[in-house]
């Protein structure tokens, strides 16, 4: 991938003793010989990331973006014993179906908040980061985002998830279900943290959607919907 551009990375290491300005000047010259400036290379990668994030977040934030998609959030395994036990309890016969809809609605609501956090990380991407992504595997950009944003994203996302779950009364409903389950004689008491679980699963789905878009841009010419994307990723095709 990007065999011609690979020379940029090699020159960078060889010129370790040079100044930053000298290195950048040489890189610009080499990239220019291929019809691209290093600024265009970096901008193309950033644009690809923003497209992936924008589309992923938008799709997941729509109604049924999670609930009726491959990214549907299911109940944690330990929760199944609760729903199974409550099948014959009045008022909780459809507990699993109800809570699944509620937690996925919460995730869809929270997904609207994801894009600004990702975009901030993209703006801070260095030229070296961009080159590593260009020369990396098909999900290199997604890996970069996961590595650089996950903790901050979780810290920002979790309160939104909790708020969203409360908006749809998911946590109260689940608390009622758990309390009812715990009142059954001889059962092992349960108290899963629904907010934490849903946040982790929502982020997993979000990163999976971003990766899908990234791979599409790398392999499908029709997915490159701007001149800059077409220009930068044409080098990969060679």
Protein backbone atom coordinates (compact mmCIF):
# COMPACT_ATOMS: atom_id res chain seq x y z
CA UNK A 1 0.00 0.00 0.00
CA UNK A 2 1.23 3.42 -1.04
CA UNK A 3 4.54 2.00 -2.30
CA UNK A 4 5.59 5.29 -3.87
CA UNK A 5 4.78 7.25 -0.76
CA UNK A 6 6.78 4.80 1.35
CA UNK A 7 9.89 6.71 0.32
CA UNK A 8 8.71 9.56 2.52
CA UNK A 9 8.99 7.45 5.64
CA UNK A 10 12.41 6.11 4.67
CA UNK A 11 13.76 9.60 4.02
CA UNK A 12 12.43 10.79 7.36
CA UNK A 13 14.47 8.19 9.24
CA UNK A 14 17.60 8.75 7.13
CA UNK A 15 17.49 12.49 7.72
CA UNK A 16 17.24 12.20 11.48
CA UNK A 17 20.16 14.60 11.90
CA UNK A 18 18.48 17.31 9.80
CA UNK A 19 16.28 20.09 11.09
CA UNK A 20 12.51 19.76 11.08
CA UNK A 21 12.27 22.42 8.39
CA UNK A 22 14.78 20.60 6.16
CA UNK A 23 12.98 17.31 6.57
CA UNK A 24 9.60 18.86 5.81
CA UNK A 25 11.02 20.60 2.72
CA UNK A 26 12.39 17.30 1.39
CA UNK A 27 9.14 15.48 2.10
CA UNK A 28 7.16 18.16 0.27
CA UNK A 29 9.46 17.82 -2.73
CA UNK A 30 9.12 14.03 -2.86
CA UNK A 31 5.38 14.04 -2.35
CA UNK A 32 5.06 16.78 -4.95
CA UNK A 33 6.80 14.57 -7.47
CA UNK A 34 3.91 12.17 -7.06
CA UNK A 35 1.37 14.96 -7.54
CA UNK A 36 0.70 15.37 -3.82
CA UNK A 37 2.00 17.62 -1.10
CA UNK A 38 2.46 16.26 2.39
CA UNK A 39 -0.27 18.68 3.46
CA UNK A 40 -2.63 17.00 0.99
CA UNK A 41 -1.68 13.56 2.28
CA UNK A 42 -2.48 14.58 5.83
CA UNK A 43 -5.65 16.41 4.82
CA UNK A 44 -6.84 13.42 2.83
CA UNK A 45 -6.47 11.11 5.79
CA UNK A 46 -8.21 13.54 8.10
CA UNK A 47 -11.05 13.90 5.62
CA UNK A 48 -11.38 10.12 5.37
CA UNK A 49 -11.60 9.88 9.16
CA UNK A 50 -14.18 12.65 9.39
CA UNK A 51 -16.28 10.97 6.71
CA UNK A 52 -16.11 7.64 8.50
CA UNK A 53 -16.97 9.16 11.84
CA UNK A 54 -19.72 11.35 10.46
CA UNK A 55 -21.46 8.54 8.63
CA UNK A 56 -21.00 6.05 11.44
CA UNK A 57 -22.30 8.36 14.13
CA UNK A 58 -25.18 9.57 11.97
CA UNK A 59 -26.37 6.07 11.13
CA UNK A 60 -26.14 4.83 14.69
CA UNK A 61 -27.88 7.90 16.09
CA UNK A 62 -30.97 7.37 13.93
CA UNK A 63 -33.93 5.42 15.24
CA UNK A 64 -33.08 1.71 15.02
CA UNK A 65 -29.46 2.63 14.23
CA UNK A 66 -28.45 0.20 16.96
CA UNK A 67 -31.68 -1.64 17.71
CA UNK A 68 -32.25 -3.06 14.22
CA UNK A 69 -28.70 -3.28 12.92
CA UNK A 70 -25.68 -5.58 13.21
CA UNK A 71 -24.57 -3.35 16.11
CA UNK A 72 -27.60 -4.10 18.28
CA UNK A 73 -26.67 -4.10 21.97
CA UNK A 74 -27.72 -7.32 23.67
CA UNK A 75 -28.07 -7.95 27.37
CA UNK A 76 -24.92 -9.03 29.21
CA UNK A 77 -24.72 -12.81 29.69
CA UNK A 78 -25.29 -12.57 33.44
CA UNK A 79 -28.52 -10.70 32.79
CA UNK A 80 -30.08 -13.60 30.93
CA UNK A 81 -30.62 -15.52 34.16
CA UNK A 82 -32.70 -12.60 35.38
CA UNK A 83 -34.91 -12.36 32.29
CA UNK A 84 -35.34 -16.13 32.17
CA UNK A 85 -36.47 -16.25 35.79
CA UNK A 86 -38.91 -13.37 35.29
CA UNK A 87 -40.73 -14.85 32.31
CA UNK A 88 -43.58 -16.08 34.52
CA UNK A 89 -43.71 -13.06 36.82
CA UNK A 90 -46.67 -10.73 36.11
CA UNK A 91 -45.50 -7.46 34.61
CA UNK A 92 -42.14 -8.84 33.48
CA UNK A 93 -43.10 -11.40 30.81
CA UNK A 94 -41.56 -9.27 28.07
CA UNK A 95 -38.74 -7.92 30.23
CA UNK A 96 -35.95 -8.88 27.82
CA UNK A 97 -37.64 -7.40 24.76
CA UNK A 98 -38.51 -4.22 26.64
CA UNK A 99 -35.08 -3.61 28.15
CA UNK A 100 -33.32 -4.38 24.85
CA UNK A 101 -35.30 -1.68 23.10
CA UNK A 102 -34.69 0.79 25.90
CA UNK A 103 -30.92 0.32 26.08
CA UNK A 104 -30.56 0.54 22.30
CA UNK A 105 -32.67 3.68 22.20
CA UNK A 106 -30.36 5.12 24.84
CA UNK A 107 -27.29 4.27 22.77
CA UNK A 108 -28.85 5.83 19.66
CA UNK A 109 -29.53 9.00 21.60
CA UNK A 110 -25.98 9.17 22.95
CA UNK A 111 -24.34 8.50 19.57
CA UNK A 112 -25.24 12.07 18.57
CA UNK A 113 -22.52 13.27 20.96
CA UNK A 114 -19.68 11.18 19.54
CA UNK A 115 -18.57 13.10 16.46
CA UNK A 116 -17.15 16.26 18.14
CA UNK A 117 -14.91 14.13 20.36
CA UNK A 118 -13.50 12.28 17.36
CA UNK A 119 -13.08 15.45 15.30
CA UNK A 120 -11.01 17.02 18.06
CA UNK A 121 -8.63 14.06 17.94
CA UNK A 122 -8.38 14.31 14.16
CA UNK A 123 -7.41 17.96 14.34
CA UNK A 124 -4.52 17.03 16.64
CA UNK A 125 -3.20 14.36 14.27
CA UNK A 126 0.43 14.95 13.30
CA UNK A 127 2.04 14.32 9.90
CA UNK A 128 3.74 11.28 11.41
CA UNK A 129 0.35 9.95 12.53
CA UNK A 130 -1.02 10.43 9.03
CA UNK A 131 1.89 8.59 7.43
CA UNK A 132 1.58 5.69 9.88
CA UNK A 133 -2.07 5.38 8.91
CA UNK A 134 -1.32 5.54 5.19
CA UNK A 135 1.29 2.82 5.49
CA UNK A 136 -0.71 0.75 7.97
CA UNK A 137 -3.37 -1.97 7.65
CA UNK A 138 -6.92 -1.43 6.42
CA UNK A 139 -8.15 -0.36 9.84
CA UNK A 140 -5.15 1.77 10.79
CA UNK A 141 -7.20 4.95 11.05
CA UNK A 142 -9.75 3.27 13.28
CA UNK A 143 -6.96 1.91 15.47
CA UNK A 144 -5.55 5.42 15.76
CA UNK A 145 -8.91 6.76 16.93
CA UNK A 146 -9.40 3.91 19.36
CA UNK A 147 -5.93 4.44 20.83
CA UNK A 148 -6.15 8.22 21.11
CA UNK A 149 -9.78 8.82 22.01
CA UNK A 150 -11.23 5.81 23.82
CA UNK A 151 -10.65 6.93 27.40
CA UNK A 152 -11.73 10.51 26.79
CA UNK A 153 -14.64 9.31 24.68
CA UNK A 154 -15.76 6.93 27.42
CA UNK A 155 -15.57 9.64 30.07
CA UNK A 156 -17.68 11.95 27.92
CA UNK A 157 -19.97 9.26 26.56
CA UNK A 158 -20.88 7.45 29.76
CA UNK A 159 -22.80 10.33 31.38
CA UNK A 160 -24.68 10.83 28.12
CA UNK A 161 -25.50 7.12 27.99
CA UNK A 162 -26.74 7.19 31.57
CA UNK A 163 -28.80 10.29 30.86
CA UNK A 164 -30.16 8.69 27.70
CA UNK A 165 -31.03 5.48 29.52
CA UNK A 166 -32.86 7.54 32.12
CA UNK A 167 -34.64 9.42 29.33
CA UNK A 168 -36.13 6.11 28.25
CA UNK A 169 -36.53 4.89 31.86
CA UNK A 170 -34.22 1.99 31.10
CA UNK A 171 -32.27 2.04 34.35
CA UNK A 172 -35.41 2.32 36.49
CA UNK A 173 -37.04 -0.48 34.55
CA UNK A 174 -33.94 -2.65 34.90
CA UNK A 175 -33.67 -1.84 38.61
CA UNK A 176 -37.27 -2.99 39.09
CA UNK A 177 -36.49 -6.19 37.21
CA UNK A 178 -33.35 -6.86 39.25
CA UNK A 179 -35.11 -6.15 42.56
CA UNK A 180 -37.94 -8.48 41.58
CA UNK A 181 -35.43 -11.14 40.62
CA UNK A 182 -33.51 -10.70 43.88
CA UNK A 183 -36.69 -11.26 45.85
CA UNK A 184 -36.98 -14.80 44.48
CA UNK A 185 -35.85 -17.26 47.18
CA UNK A 186 -32.47 -18.95 46.83
CA UNK A 187 -31.32 -17.02 43.76
CA UNK A 188 -27.87 -15.49 43.59
CA UNK A 189 -28.31 -11.75 43.98
CA UNK A 190 -27.54 -9.65 40.92
CA UNK A 191 -26.83 -5.96 40.40
CA UNK A 192 -25.27 -5.35 36.95
CA UNK A 193 -24.13 -1.82 36.09
CA UNK A 194 -26.30 -1.22 33.06
CA UNK A 195 -24.81 2.20 32.25
CA UNK A 196 -21.23 0.94 32.04
CA UNK A 197 -22.17 -2.09 29.98
CA UNK A 198 -24.23 -0.12 27.46
CA UNK A 199 -21.48 2.49 27.10
CA UNK A 200 -18.88 -0.15 26.26
CA UNK A 201 -21.16 -1.87 23.77
CA UNK A 202 -22.21 1.42 22.18
CA UNK A 203 -18.58 2.42 21.64
CA UNK A 204 -17.78 -1.00 20.24
CA UNK A 205 -20.52 -0.55 17.67
CA UNK A 206 -19.40 2.98 16.85
CA UNK A 207 -15.79 1.95 16.19
CA UNK A 208 -17.01 -0.98 14.09
CA UNK A 209 -19.05 1.39 11.93
CA UNK A 210 -16.08 3.75 11.50
CA UNK A 211 -13.85 0.83 10.51
CA UNK A 212 -16.39 -0.27 7.92
CA UNK A 213 -16.33 3.16 6.31
CA UNK A 214 -12.54 3.35 6.43
CA UNK A 215 -12.16 0.03 4.64
CA UNK A 216 -14.72 1.13 2.07
CA UNK A 217 -12.77 4.29 1.23
CA UNK A 218 -9.54 2.31 0.94
CA UNK A 219 -10.99 -0.32 -1.41
CA UNK A 220 -14.00 1.21 -3.18
CA UNK A 221 -13.31 4.08 -5.57
CA UNK A 222 -16.98 5.12 -5.55
CA UNK A 223 -16.76 5.75 -1.79
CA UNK A 224 -14.24 8.55 -2.36
CA UNK A 225 -16.75 11.33 -2.71
CA UNK A 226 -14.40 14.34 -2.87
CA UNK A 227 -11.55 15.32 -5.18
CA UNK A 228 -9.08 15.20 -2.28
CA UNK A 229 -10.07 11.69 -1.27
CA UNK A 230 -9.80 10.49 -4.87
CA UNK A 231 -6.40 12.14 -5.31
CA UNK A 232 -4.85 10.82 -2.09
CA UNK A 233 -6.22 7.29 -2.22
CA UNK A 234 -5.42 6.88 -5.93
CA UNK A 235 -1.82 6.41 -4.81
CA UNK A 236 -2.89 3.39 -2.76
CA UNK A 237 -4.45 1.78 -5.84
CA UNK A 238 -1.07 1.78 -7.59
